[in-house]
């Protein structure tokens, strides 16, 4: 009790007189038991605290004061410690995707190069490509997006197409761009169109803070990885040309002939010579060629040559006679071989009516696909068609036919997924002689073929495993062109 009063007197000087009065009571027998011991008297000189000291520290229990000491000592080294520098981000994947498009209609080339110093793993599958095409044609939409459909595109990483590329190796694949730009999107494949290609899967959205997750279009084979994985790879932007590549144009392949080419004679290699060159070409035999001064005069170019009808060697063609023209739909998209349907239209393109028998079994098909070429034969004439099966087609009238190709083609014709070129031929081979009918008979080939895409089939899209090749070096002409640019 006395010790407590002494402490209060030290804290409050104004109450010192009261404390002295209270201390006088220590001689009373009632308070004799409250006399401090030696230990308490030892605390008396050190118990006085300065008046301006913190009150909270003086009032704090001894246990809390002892607990605060280790906390202060533990916080001291943290204040002087330096923060660790953040680890540098991993290097991007050293993979580069090239899209080589020499002509609008293809074939195009996909190339993936490993430009790093460590091997990488890539999915070698052209179906992972997608395009954004900006066209100049006002009749079509400005931007066309082309990609493989859901049934044809792999849903995840195609393990069968996993390819390990060593440094300096590439994967090269040729493909038809209409595999991705199918149907009406094919109109975007024209000269002057700007093509932006993306290979693989899309990156995570910008608002997401999560790290990219599998599947990846390029990833390291090392542990720990030598570079960061890439969900997708962007190819350089390509502008489609208006013509054919130089090699194909020089060979005189599919370049549309001009009016002058029709008048020029064809040479041995198939290339048309210019009509202005009238110099006689040397022949293999020894027959002397006529001299230049005995060449018969040529008519002016602006006047057509008049040929008398019925002249020797000139057949007479009746342009008004009835004749059939066969056309087929430009494309057909099928989920499986069982659902492949081709629609064909036979039209009387003449000026007079005709009597003809047209049946679905008279159609034959020439199919060119991933497994090669197959011919689906038409049925032979039976001579047993009833009279009511012969119809009269007026000028401009047509007959539409739809046929399941699985019914007329061999079973393995469409065994693989991918693109097929189907050309139809009509064998109108029922003359109707036994019925007293003079029917039209002919073999009519379709003016154009049908582009068929099969999304699912018993055999996969690729027949073999992917193969890595050394990275192709640019040709001399390409290097010179890059230097000039």
Protein backbone atom coordinates (compact mmCIF):
# COMPACT_ATOMS: atom_id res chain seq x y z
CA UNK A 1 0.00 0.00 0.00
CA UNK A 2 2.80 2.37 0.88
CA UNK A 3 4.69 1.59 -2.30
CA UNK A 4 1.66 2.45 -4.39
CA UNK A 5 1.22 5.78 -2.69
CA UNK A 6 4.87 6.64 -3.26
CA UNK A 7 4.44 5.97 -6.98
CA UNK A 8 1.34 8.13 -7.13
CA UNK A 9 3.17 10.94 -5.37
CA UNK A 10 5.96 10.81 -7.92
CA UNK A 11 3.52 11.03 -10.79
CA UNK A 12 1.45 13.81 -9.26
CA UNK A 13 3.66 16.41 -7.39
CA UNK A 14 0.63 18.37 -6.27
CA UNK A 15 -0.42 15.43 -4.13
CA UNK A 16 2.95 15.23 -2.32
CA UNK A 17 1.59 16.82 0.88
CA UNK A 18 -1.24 14.31 0.99
CA UNK A 19 1.23 11.48 0.54
CA UNK A 20 3.32 12.71 3.51
CA UNK A 21 0.25 12.72 5.68
CA UNK A 22 -0.62 9.25 4.69
CA UNK A 23 2.91 8.02 5.33
CA UNK A 24 2.56 9.11 8.93
CA UNK A 25 0.05 6.36 9.41
CA UNK A 26 2.72 3.75 8.97
CA UNK A 27 3.42 3.79 12.76
CA UNK A 28 -0.09 2.64 13.54
CA UNK A 29 -0.39 -1.03 14.46
CA UNK A 30 -3.13 -1.56 11.83
CA UNK A 31 -0.81 -0.69 9.05
CA UNK A 32 2.33 -2.30 10.46
CA UNK A 33 1.78 -5.31 8.25
CA UNK A 34 1.93 -3.02 5.14
CA UNK A 35 5.60 -2.11 5.82
CA UNK A 36 7.57 -2.77 2.62
CA UNK A 37 10.13 -5.48 2.48
CA UNK A 38 13.72 -5.18 1.36
CA UNK A 39 12.78 -6.00 -2.19
CA UNK A 40 10.16 -3.24 -2.34
CA UNK A 41 12.56 -0.73 -0.72
CA UNK A 42 15.09 -1.52 -3.44
CA UNK A 43 12.52 -0.55 -6.07
CA UNK A 44 11.84 2.82 -4.47
CA UNK A 45 14.76 4.88 -5.85
CA UNK A 46 14.20 3.55 -9.40
CA UNK A 47 10.47 3.81 -9.39
CA UNK A 48 10.45 7.54 -9.96
CA UNK A 49 9.89 8.33 -13.63
CA UNK A 50 10.30 11.71 -15.31
CA UNK A 51 7.19 13.78 -15.36
CA UNK A 52 7.25 14.25 -19.12
CA UNK A 53 7.55 10.53 -19.88
CA UNK A 54 4.75 8.64 -21.64
CA UNK A 55 1.92 7.75 -19.33
CA UNK A 56 1.03 4.63 -21.24
CA UNK A 57 4.45 3.10 -20.64
CA UNK A 58 4.27 3.78 -16.95
CA UNK A 59 0.81 2.25 -16.68
CA UNK A 60 1.58 -0.77 -18.87
CA UNK A 61 1.91 -4.10 -17.06
CA UNK A 62 5.40 -5.59 -16.77
CA UNK A 63 4.40 -8.55 -18.96
CA UNK A 64 3.44 -6.32 -21.89
CA UNK A 65 6.65 -4.34 -21.59
CA UNK A 66 8.71 -7.52 -21.84
CA UNK A 67 6.70 -8.67 -24.87
CA UNK A 68 7.24 -5.39 -26.72
CA UNK A 69 11.02 -5.64 -26.49
CA UNK A 70 11.47 -8.65 -28.82
CA UNK A 71 9.05 -7.15 -31.37
CA UNK A 72 11.12 -3.99 -31.61
CA UNK A 73 14.30 -5.99 -32.03
CA UNK A 74 12.70 -8.14 -34.73
CA UNK A 75 11.45 -5.13 -36.69
CA UNK A 76 14.85 -3.48 -36.73
CA UNK A 77 16.50 -5.74 -39.34
CA UNK A 78 13.43 -5.58 -41.66
CA UNK A 79 13.69 -1.82 -41.94
CA UNK A 80 17.29 -2.01 -43.10
CA UNK A 81 16.82 -5.03 -45.45
CA UNK A 82 16.69 -4.43 -49.25
CA UNK A 83 13.83 -5.72 -51.43
CA UNK A 84 14.65 -8.47 -53.88
CA UNK A 85 14.78 -7.37 -57.50
CA UNK A 86 11.95 -8.87 -59.61
CA UNK A 87 12.98 -11.73 -61.83
CA UNK A 88 13.22 -10.79 -65.53
CA UNK A 89 10.37 -12.09 -67.69
CA UNK A 90 11.16 -15.18 -69.79
CA UNK A 91 12.14 -14.68 -73.40
CA UNK A 92 9.40 -15.06 -76.02
CA UNK A 93 9.25 -18.22 -78.09
CA UNK A 94 11.71 -17.98 -81.02
CA UNK A 95 9.18 -19.42 -83.48
CA UNK A 96 8.21 -17.67 -86.70
CA UNK A 97 5.25 -18.43 -88.95
CA UNK A 98 5.31 -17.67 -92.65
CA UNK A 99 2.39 -17.64 -95.07
CA UNK A 100 3.42 -17.83 -98.73
CA UNK A 101 0.54 -16.94 -101.06
CA UNK A 102 1.83 -16.60 -104.66
CA UNK A 103 -1.67 -16.38 -106.14
CA UNK A 104 -5.20 -15.82 -104.80
CA UNK A 105 -6.41 -19.33 -105.62
CA UNK A 106 -3.49 -21.26 -104.22
CA UNK A 107 -1.82 -23.48 -103.45
CA UNK A 108 -0.45 -21.64 -100.43
CA UNK A 109 2.38 -22.67 -98.12
CA UNK A 110 2.56 -22.70 -94.32
CA UNK A 111 6.04 -22.62 -92.78
CA UNK A 112 7.07 -22.66 -89.11
CA UNK A 113 10.74 -21.88 -88.37
CA UNK A 114 12.73 -22.46 -85.16
CA UNK A 115 14.99 -19.40 -85.04
CA UNK A 116 16.26 -20.06 -81.50
CA UNK A 117 19.12 -22.06 -80.02
CA UNK A 118 17.02 -24.67 -78.21
CA UNK A 119 14.48 -27.18 -79.56
CA UNK A 120 10.77 -26.53 -79.40
CA UNK A 121 7.49 -28.42 -79.74
CA UNK A 122 4.83 -27.27 -82.23
CA UNK A 123 1.54 -28.69 -83.55
CA UNK A 124 2.08 -29.35 -87.27
CA UNK A 125 -1.51 -28.90 -88.42
CA UNK A 126 -2.67 -26.39 -91.03
CA UNK A 127 -6.20 -26.52 -89.63
CA UNK A 128 -5.02 -24.29 -86.77
CA UNK A 129 -4.69 -21.36 -89.17
CA UNK A 130 -7.24 -18.58 -89.36
CA UNK A 131 -7.40 -15.53 -91.59
CA UNK A 132 -8.74 -12.00 -91.53
CA UNK A 133 -9.02 -10.75 -95.11
CA UNK A 134 -9.70 -7.13 -96.04
CA UNK A 135 -11.08 -6.91 -99.56
CA UNK A 136 -11.46 -4.05 -102.00
CA UNK A 137 -14.64 -5.42 -103.54
CA UNK A 138 -17.59 -3.26 -102.56
CA UNK A 139 -20.07 -6.06 -103.28
CA UNK A 140 -18.69 -8.26 -100.50
CA UNK A 141 -18.20 -7.51 -96.83
CA UNK A 142 -15.08 -5.53 -96.03
CA UNK A 143 -13.50 -8.03 -93.61
CA UNK A 144 -13.87 -11.77 -94.03
CA UNK A 145 -12.81 -14.20 -91.31
CA UNK A 146 -11.85 -17.68 -92.44
CA UNK A 147 -11.18 -20.68 -90.20
CA UNK A 148 -11.71 -24.41 -90.14
CA UNK A 149 -15.17 -25.47 -88.93
CA UNK A 150 -15.70 -27.00 -85.51
CA UNK A 151 -15.92 -30.55 -86.83
CA UNK A 152 -12.67 -30.28 -88.78
CA UNK A 153 -10.47 -28.16 -86.49
CA UNK A 154 -8.78 -29.98 -83.57
CA UNK A 155 -10.41 -29.12 -80.24
CA UNK A 156 -7.07 -29.33 -78.39
CA UNK A 157 -3.43 -29.98 -79.09
CA UNK A 158 -3.24 -32.70 -81.79
CA UNK A 159 -0.83 -35.14 -80.17
CA UNK A 160 -0.41 -37.09 -83.40
CA UNK A 161 0.82 -33.93 -85.07
CA UNK A 162 3.29 -32.98 -82.33
CA UNK A 163 6.61 -32.12 -83.96
CA UNK A 164 9.95 -31.39 -82.27
CA UNK A 165 11.92 -28.77 -84.21
CA UNK A 166 15.64 -28.51 -83.62
CA UNK A 167 17.36 -25.14 -84.07
CA UNK A 168 17.49 -24.36 -87.78
CA UNK A 169 14.61 -26.70 -88.70
CA UNK A 170 11.18 -25.90 -90.13
CA UNK A 171 7.83 -27.44 -90.86
CA UNK A 172 6.50 -26.83 -94.38
CA UNK A 173 3.02 -27.73 -95.66
CA UNK A 174 1.19 -26.84 -98.88
CA UNK A 175 -2.58 -26.39 -98.68
CA UNK A 176 -5.57 -25.03 -100.52
CA UNK A 177 -6.82 -21.77 -98.93
CA UNK A 178 -10.39 -22.76 -99.80
CA UNK A 179 -10.18 -25.33 -97.01
CA UNK A 180 -10.57 -22.40 -94.61
CA UNK A 181 -12.27 -19.81 -96.86
CA UNK A 182 -15.08 -22.09 -97.97
CA UNK A 183 -18.35 -21.28 -99.69
CA UNK A 184 -19.16 -17.60 -100.01
CA UNK A 185 -15.96 -16.66 -98.19
CA UNK A 186 -14.04 -17.80 -101.26
CA UNK A 187 -14.92 -14.48 -102.93
CA UNK A 188 -12.51 -12.75 -100.55
CA UNK A 189 -9.57 -14.54 -102.20
CA UNK A 190 -8.95 -11.91 -104.86
CA UNK A 191 -6.16 -9.68 -106.02
CA UNK A 192 -5.35 -6.76 -103.75
CA UNK A 193 -6.81 -8.39 -100.64
CA UNK A 194 -4.85 -8.01 -97.39
CA UNK A 195 -4.46 -11.26 -95.44
CA UNK A 196 -3.58 -11.37 -91.73
CA UNK A 197 -2.93 -14.91 -90.51
CA UNK A 198 -2.84 -16.32 -86.98
CA UNK A 199 -1.65 -19.81 -86.11
CA UNK A 200 -2.69 -21.69 -82.99
CA UNK A 201 -5.00 -20.52 -80.24
CA UNK A 202 -5.91 -17.04 -79.14
CA UNK A 203 -4.03 -15.26 -76.33
CA UNK A 204 -5.81 -14.66 -72.98
CA UNK A 205 -7.95 -11.52 -72.82
CA UNK A 206 -6.25 -8.27 -71.87
CA UNK A 207 -8.14 -7.98 -68.60
CA UNK A 208 -6.97 -11.43 -67.44
CA UNK A 209 -3.94 -11.56 -65.10
CA UNK A 210 -3.51 -15.31 -65.35
CA UNK A 211 -0.57 -16.82 -67.16
CA UNK A 212 -1.28 -18.40 -70.55
CA UNK A 213 -2.47 -21.97 -70.26
CA UNK A 214 -2.18 -24.92 -72.63
CA UNK A 215 -2.57 -25.68 -75.49
CA UNK A 216 0.38 -23.85 -77.00
CA UNK A 217 1.47 -23.26 -80.58
CA UNK A 218 5.14 -23.27 -79.54
CA UNK A 219 6.69 -24.41 -76.25
CA UNK A 220 10.11 -25.37 -74.94
CA UNK A 221 11.21 -28.96 -74.50
CA UNK A 222 13.61 -28.10 -71.63
CA UNK A 223 12.94 -28.26 -67.88
CA UNK A 224 13.02 -25.50 -66.73
CA UNK A 225 11.79 -24.02 -70.01
CA UNK A 226 14.24 -21.98 -72.05
CA UNK A 227 11.53 -19.55 -73.19
CA UNK A 228 7.92 -18.67 -72.52
CA UNK A 229 5.23 -20.73 -74.28
CA UNK A 230 3.16 -19.05 -76.98
CA UNK A 231 -0.58 -19.80 -77.34
CA UNK A 232 -0.50 -18.45 -80.90
CA UNK A 233 1.81 -17.02 -83.53
CA UNK A 234 1.07 -14.15 -85.93
CA UNK A 235 2.32 -14.33 -89.50
CA UNK A 236 3.44 -11.28 -91.49
CA UNK A 237 0.67 -9.54 -93.39
CA UNK A 238 0.33 -10.63 -97.03
CA UNK A 239 -1.18 -8.75 -99.99
CA UNK A 240 -2.55 -11.09 -102.67
CA UNK A 241 -1.39 -10.54 -106.23
CA UNK A 242 -3.67 -10.25 -109.24
CA UNK A 243 -1.99 -12.91 -111.36
CA UNK A 244 -0.12 -16.17 -111.20
CA UNK A 245 3.39 -16.74 -109.88
CA UNK A 246 6.21 -16.07 -112.32
CA UNK A 247 7.03 -19.73 -112.80
CA UNK A 248 3.43 -20.70 -113.62
CA UNK A 249 2.89 -17.69 -115.85
CA UNK A 250 6.10 -18.45 -117.75
CA UNK A 251 4.93 -22.03 -118.29
CA UNK A 252 1.75 -20.79 -119.91
CA UNK A 253 -0.42 -22.63 -117.41
CA UNK A 254 -3.66 -21.23 -116.11
CA UNK A 255 -3.23 -17.64 -117.25
CA UNK A 256 -6.43 -16.64 -119.11
CA UNK A 257 -5.69 -16.25 -122.84
CA UNK A 258 -6.13 -12.89 -124.46
CA UNK A 259 -7.74 -12.12 -127.80
CA UNK A 260 -4.35 -12.09 -129.52
CA UNK A 261 -3.51 -15.52 -128.15
CA UNK A 262 -6.49 -17.08 -129.90
CA UNK A 263 -5.16 -15.95 -133.27
CA UNK A 264 -1.55 -17.02 -132.63
CA UNK A 265 -0.35 -20.56 -133.36
CA UNK A 266 0.67 -22.73 -130.40
CA UNK A 267 4.29 -23.75 -130.09
CA UNK A 268 5.62 -27.13 -129.01
CA UNK A 269 5.72 -26.21 -125.30
CA UNK A 270 2.15 -24.95 -125.30
CA UNK A 271 2.97 -21.26 -124.97
CA UNK A 272 1.27 -18.98 -127.43
CA UNK A 273 3.53 -16.91 -129.65
CA UNK A 274 2.72 -13.26 -130.27
CA UNK A 275 0.68 -12.70 -133.42
CA UNK A 276 2.86 -9.81 -134.57
CA UNK A 277 5.74 -12.19 -135.22
CA UNK A 278 5.21 -13.54 -138.74
CA UNK A 279 8.66 -15.12 -139.07
CA UNK A 280 8.33 -18.77 -140.09
CA UNK A 281 9.64 -21.22 -137.47
CA UNK A 282 12.07 -23.95 -138.56
CA UNK A 283 10.40 -27.35 -138.83
CA UNK A 284 11.81 -30.81 -138.23
CA UNK A 285 11.49 -31.91 -141.87
CA UNK A 286 13.47 -30.61 -144.85
CA UNK A 287 10.53 -29.09 -146.69
CA UNK A 288 11.54 -25.63 -147.89
CA UNK A 289 9.60 -22.78 -146.40
CA UNK A 290 8.04 -20.12 -148.63
CA UNK A 291 10.01 -16.93 -148.90
CA UNK A 292 8.85 -13.70 -147.33
CA UNK A 293 8.10 -12.04 -150.70
CA UNK A 294 5.62 -14.78 -151.69
CA UNK A 295 3.56 -14.58 -148.52
CA UNK A 296 -0.12 -14.00 -149.41
CA UNK A 297 -1.49 -10.66 -148.28
CA UNK A 298 -3.25 -10.68 -144.91
CA UNK A 299 -6.60 -8.96 -144.35
CA UNK A 300 -6.75 -5.95 -142.04
CA UNK A 301 -7.00 -6.78 -138.38
CA UNK A 302 -10.23 -4.84 -137.93
CA UNK A 303 -12.15 -6.89 -140.53
CA UNK A 304 -13.11 -10.50 -139.78
CA UNK A 305 -12.20 -13.25 -142.20
CA UNK A 306 -15.20 -14.39 -144.24
CA UNK A 307 -15.45 -18.15 -144.68
CA UNK A 308 -17.99 -19.57 -147.11
CA UNK A 309 -20.42 -22.06 -145.59
CA UNK A 310 -19.77 -25.59 -146.68
CA UNK A 311 -16.19 -24.91 -147.69
CA UNK A 312 -13.95 -27.98 -147.74
CA UNK A 313 -12.68 -28.78 -144.27
CA UNK A 314 -15.07 -26.40 -142.52
CA UNK A 315 -17.87 -28.18 -140.57
CA UNK A 316 -21.28 -26.57 -140.47
CA UNK A 317 -22.49 -25.92 -136.95
CA UNK A 318 -26.18 -25.37 -136.25
CA UNK A 319 -26.14 -22.83 -133.43
CA UNK A 320 -29.92 -23.14 -132.97
CA UNK A 321 -29.96 -26.92 -132.48
CA UNK A 322 -31.04 -28.20 -129.06
CA UNK A 323 -28.16 -29.10 -126.76
CA UNK A 324 -27.67 -29.73 -123.07
CA UNK A 325 -25.46 -27.73 -120.71
CA UNK A 326 -24.58 -29.29 -117.37
CA UNK A 327 -23.84 -27.17 -114.31
CA UNK A 328 -23.27 -28.16 -110.68
CA UNK A 329 -23.32 -26.22 -107.45
CA UNK A 330 -19.99 -24.50 -106.69
CA UNK A 331 -19.50 -26.04 -103.24
CA UNK A 332 -20.93 -28.60 -100.84
CA UNK A 333 -20.15 -28.95 -97.12
CA UNK A 334 -20.72 -32.40 -95.63
CA UNK A 335 -20.43 -33.54 -92.04
CA UNK A 336 -19.58 -37.14 -93.05
CA UNK A 337 -19.35 -39.28 -96.22
CA UNK A 338 -22.94 -40.43 -95.71
CA UNK A 339 -24.32 -36.91 -96.12
CA UNK A 340 -22.49 -35.88 -99.31
CA UNK A 341 -25.05 -34.50 -101.75
CA UNK A 342 -24.26 -33.00 -105.17
CA UNK A 343 -26.88 -31.04 -107.07
CA UNK A 344 -26.69 -30.91 -110.86
CA UNK A 345 -28.79 -28.98 -113.38
CA UNK A 346 -29.18 -29.95 -117.07
CA UNK A 347 -30.42 -27.07 -119.25
CA UNK A 348 -31.51 -26.90 -122.90
CA UNK A 349 -29.17 -24.19 -124.19
CA UNK A 350 -30.42 -24.42 -127.78
CA UNK A 351 -33.13 -22.52 -129.63
CA UNK A 352 -35.40 -25.49 -130.32
CA UNK A 353 -37.11 -27.97 -128.00
CA UNK A 354 -35.77 -31.46 -127.39
CA UNK A 355 -37.03 -34.80 -126.17
CA UNK A 356 -34.71 -36.46 -123.71
CA UNK A 357 -34.63 -38.91 -120.81
CA UNK A 358 -32.57 -37.71 -117.84
CA UNK A 359 -32.17 -39.92 -114.79
CA UNK A 360 -29.85 -39.79 -111.77
CA UNK A 361 -28.19 -43.07 -112.69
CA UNK A 362 -26.91 -41.44 -115.90
CA UNK A 363 -24.52 -39.23 -113.91
CA UNK A 364 -20.84 -40.09 -113.58
CA UNK A 365 -18.38 -38.26 -111.31
CA UNK A 366 -14.67 -37.67 -111.43
CA UNK A 367 -13.44 -37.22 -107.85
CA UNK A 368 -9.98 -35.86 -107.01
CA UNK A 369 -9.16 -35.92 -103.30
CA UNK A 370 -6.47 -36.59 -100.71
CA UNK A 371 -6.28 -40.29 -101.59
CA UNK A 372 -6.01 -39.75 -105.34
CA UNK A 373 -8.48 -39.84 -108.21
CA UNK A 374 -11.61 -41.98 -108.39
CA UNK A 375 -14.18 -42.32 -111.18
CA UNK A 376 -17.76 -43.08 -110.21
CA UNK A 377 -19.22 -44.71 -113.30
CA UNK A 378 -22.71 -44.12 -114.69
CA UNK A 379 -25.14 -46.94 -115.35
CA UNK A 380 -25.28 -48.52 -118.80
CA UNK A 381 -28.35 -47.93 -121.01
CA UNK A 382 -31.17 -50.38 -120.37
CA UNK A 383 -33.56 -49.64 -123.23
CA UNK A 384 -36.43 -50.26 -120.81
CA UNK A 385 -37.39 -46.71 -119.91
CA UNK A 386 -41.16 -46.19 -120.27
CA UNK A 387 -42.56 -43.55 -122.55
CA UNK A 388 -43.61 -41.20 -119.77
CA UNK A 389 -39.98 -40.88 -118.62
CA UNK A 390 -39.10 -39.02 -121.80
CA UNK A 391 -39.75 -35.33 -121.35
CA UNK A 392 -39.75 -32.36 -123.68
CA UNK A 393 -37.46 -29.52 -122.71
CA UNK A 394 -38.23 -26.13 -124.20
CA UNK A 395 -35.40 -23.68 -124.89
CA UNK A 396 -34.04 -22.50 -121.54
CA UNK A 397 -35.83 -25.21 -119.53
CA UNK A 398 -33.79 -27.33 -117.13
CA UNK A 399 -33.92 -30.48 -115.01
CA UNK A 400 -32.46 -30.50 -111.48
CA UNK A 401 -30.97 -33.65 -110.00
CA UNK A 402 -29.70 -34.38 -106.47
CA UNK A 403 -27.59 -37.43 -105.79
CA UNK A 404 -25.94 -39.02 -102.77
CA UNK A 405 -22.40 -39.76 -103.89
CA UNK A 406 -22.10 -42.66 -101.47
CA UNK A 407 -24.65 -44.55 -103.58
CA UNK A 408 -22.64 -44.35 -106.81
CA UNK A 409 -19.01 -44.11 -105.66
CA UNK A 410 -16.83 -46.81 -104.08
CA UNK A 411 -16.83 -47.00 -100.30
CA UNK A 412 -13.28 -45.68 -99.86
CA UNK A 413 -13.72 -42.65 -102.13
CA UNK A 414 -14.32 -40.23 -99.25
CA UNK A 415 -12.46 -42.11 -96.53
CA UNK A 416 -10.38 -39.11 -95.45
CA UNK A 417 -11.25 -35.67 -94.19
CA UNK A 418 -10.44 -32.68 -96.33
CA UNK A 419 -11.19 -31.10 -99.71
CA UNK A 420 -12.41 -32.91 -102.82
CA UNK A 421 -12.91 -31.73 -106.40
CA UNK A 422 -15.98 -33.34 -107.99
CA UNK A 423 -16.81 -32.94 -111.69
CA UNK A 424 -20.06 -34.41 -113.05
CA UNK A 425 -20.74 -35.93 -116.47
CA UNK A 426 -24.18 -36.74 -117.88
CA UNK A 427 -24.55 -39.77 -120.14
CA UNK A 428 -27.88 -39.23 -121.92
CA UNK A 429 -27.81 -42.70 -123.52
CA UNK A 430 -31.47 -43.66 -123.94
CA UNK A 431 -32.47 -43.05 -127.59
CA UNK A 432 -36.01 -44.46 -127.21
CA UNK A 433 -35.84 -46.31 -130.52
CA UNK A 434 -38.10 -49.14 -129.37
CA UNK A 435 -40.82 -46.66 -128.39
CA UNK A 436 -40.72 -44.70 -131.63
CA UNK A 437 -39.14 -41.70 -129.88
CA UNK A 438 -36.27 -39.73 -131.36
CA UNK A 439 -34.59 -38.72 -128.12
CA UNK A 440 -31.53 -36.58 -127.65
CA UNK A 441 -28.37 -38.52 -126.77
CA UNK A 442 -24.96 -37.10 -125.85
CA UNK A 443 -22.22 -37.15 -123.26
CA UNK A 444 -22.24 -33.77 -121.51
CA UNK A 445 -19.48 -32.64 -119.13
CA UNK A 446 -20.17 -30.09 -116.44
CA UNK A 447 -18.87 -26.59 -117.12
CA UNK A 448 -17.36 -26.33 -113.63
CA UNK A 449 -16.58 -28.64 -110.74
CA UNK A 450 -17.95 -28.77 -107.21
CA UNK A 451 -15.67 -28.11 -104.25
CA UNK A 452 -16.54 -30.61 -101.52
CA UNK A 453 -15.39 -30.40 -97.90
CA UNK A 454 -15.75 -33.44 -95.64
CA UNK A 455 -15.48 -32.59 -91.94
CA UNK A 456 -15.43 -36.09 -90.47
CA UNK A 457 -14.36 -39.40 -92.01
CA UNK A 458 -13.00 -42.80 -90.91
CA UNK A 459 -9.43 -41.79 -91.75
CA UNK A 460 -7.77 -38.68 -90.27
CA UNK A 461 -6.95 -35.51 -92.15
CA UNK A 462 -3.26 -36.44 -92.41
CA UNK A 463 -2.13 -39.82 -93.68
CA UNK A 464 1.40 -39.70 -92.20
CA UNK A 465 3.34 -38.19 -89.34
CA UNK A 466 4.83 -34.70 -89.68
CA UNK A 467 8.43 -34.30 -90.71
CA UNK A 468 10.92 -31.54 -89.98
CA UNK A 469 13.10 -30.16 -92.77
CA UNK A 470 16.05 -27.76 -92.78
CA UNK A 471 14.93 -24.15 -92.90
CA UNK A 472 14.77 -23.15 -96.58
CA UNK A 473 17.16 -20.43 -97.60
CA UNK A 474 15.79 -17.53 -99.63
CA UNK A 475 16.49 -17.59 -103.33
CA UNK A 476 18.88 -15.11 -104.90
CA UNK A 477 16.06 -13.17 -106.50
CA UNK A 478 14.24 -12.84 -103.18
CA UNK A 479 17.40 -11.60 -101.42
CA UNK A 480 17.95 -8.97 -104.08
CA UNK A 481 14.31 -7.89 -103.83
CA UNK A 482 14.58 -7.54 -100.03
CA UNK A 483 17.73 -5.47 -100.37
CA UNK A 484 16.05 -3.15 -102.85
CA UNK A 485 13.04 -2.77 -100.56
